[in-house]
């Protein structure tokens, strides 16, 4: 799953999203670019509703990686 943060995300909001991921038993990798922060979520996201994560402050969009057949 990929989490795209808003350009205006604050450090507090970013920490809140990362803590939310840890609290839900996910690991993550943060990529920080010039204009955007992207978080790659590592773990079993098959039954996770991305809307729960998108509701977090500072999150722009959440993309689930499709399962392979």
Protein backbone atom coordinates (compact mmCIF):
# COMPACT_ATOMS: atom_id res chain seq x y z
CA UNK A 1 0.00 0.00 0.00
CA UNK A 2 1.24 3.50 -0.77
CA UNK A 3 0.33 6.58 1.25
CA UNK A 4 0.75 9.95 -0.46
CA UNK A 5 0.95 12.83 1.98
CA UNK A 6 -0.29 16.35 1.24
CA UNK A 7 2.31 18.93 0.27
CA UNK A 8 1.30 20.92 3.36
CA UNK A 9 1.74 18.00 5.80
CA UNK A 10 3.23 18.98 9.13
CA UNK A 11 5.81 16.93 10.99
CA UNK A 12 3.20 16.27 13.69
CA UNK A 13 0.73 14.91 11.11
CA UNK A 14 3.43 12.76 9.53
CA UNK A 15 4.37 11.32 12.91
CA UNK A 16 0.69 10.65 13.60
CA UNK A 17 0.31 8.62 10.39
CA UNK A 18 3.48 6.66 11.13
CA UNK A 19 2.27 5.92 14.66
CA UNK A 20 -1.10 4.85 13.26
CA UNK A 21 0.68 2.37 10.98
CA UNK A 22 2.76 0.97 13.85
CA UNK A 23 -0.34 0.70 16.06
CA UNK A 24 -2.00 -1.37 13.31
CA UNK A 25 0.97 -3.78 13.03
CA UNK A 26 2.41 -2.36 9.80
CA UNK A 27 5.98 -1.43 9.00
CA UNK A 28 6.76 1.33 6.51
CA UNK A 29 9.41 2.99 4.41
CA UNK A 30 9.33 6.76 4.00
CA UNK A 31 10.49 8.45 0.80
CA UNK A 32 10.86 12.21 1.07
CA UNK A 33 11.06 14.18 -2.15
CA UNK A 34 11.31 17.89 -2.86
CA UNK A 35 7.53 18.38 -2.79
CA UNK A 36 5.98 15.22 -1.42
CA UNK A 37 6.34 12.46 1.17
CA UNK A 38 5.35 8.95 0.15
CA UNK A 39 5.08 6.10 2.63
CA UNK A 40 5.33 2.52 1.45
CA UNK A 41 3.39 0.32 3.85
CA UNK A 42 4.74 -3.17 4.53
CA UNK A 43 2.48 -5.87 5.91
CA UNK A 44 -0.75 -7.73 5.26
CA UNK A 45 -3.05 -5.07 3.84
CA UNK A 46 -5.48 -7.47 2.17
CA UNK A 47 -8.28 -6.89 4.71
CA UNK A 48 -7.36 -3.32 5.60
CA UNK A 49 -9.76 -0.57 4.54
CA UNK A 50 -7.65 2.25 3.02
CA UNK A 51 -10.37 4.77 3.90
CA UNK A 52 -9.32 4.43 7.55
CA UNK A 53 -5.85 5.62 6.66
CA UNK A 54 -7.04 8.29 4.24
CA UNK A 55 -9.03 9.84 7.12
CA UNK A 56 -5.80 10.63 8.96
CA UNK A 57 -4.68 14.28 8.99
CA UNK A 58 -2.18 15.12 6.25
CA UNK A 59 -2.99 12.16 3.99
CA UNK A 60 -3.81 13.01 0.38
CA UNK A 61 -4.37 9.54 -1.09
CA UNK A 62 -3.94 5.84 -0.32
CA UNK A 63 -3.33 3.23 -3.02
CA UNK A 64 -3.56 -0.50 -2.41
CA UNK A 65 -1.22 -2.69 -4.43
CA UNK A 66 -3.33 -5.27 -6.33
CA UNK A 67 -2.99 -8.91 -5.37
CA UNK A 68 -1.36 -11.18 -7.94
CA UNK A 69 -3.46 -14.01 -9.28
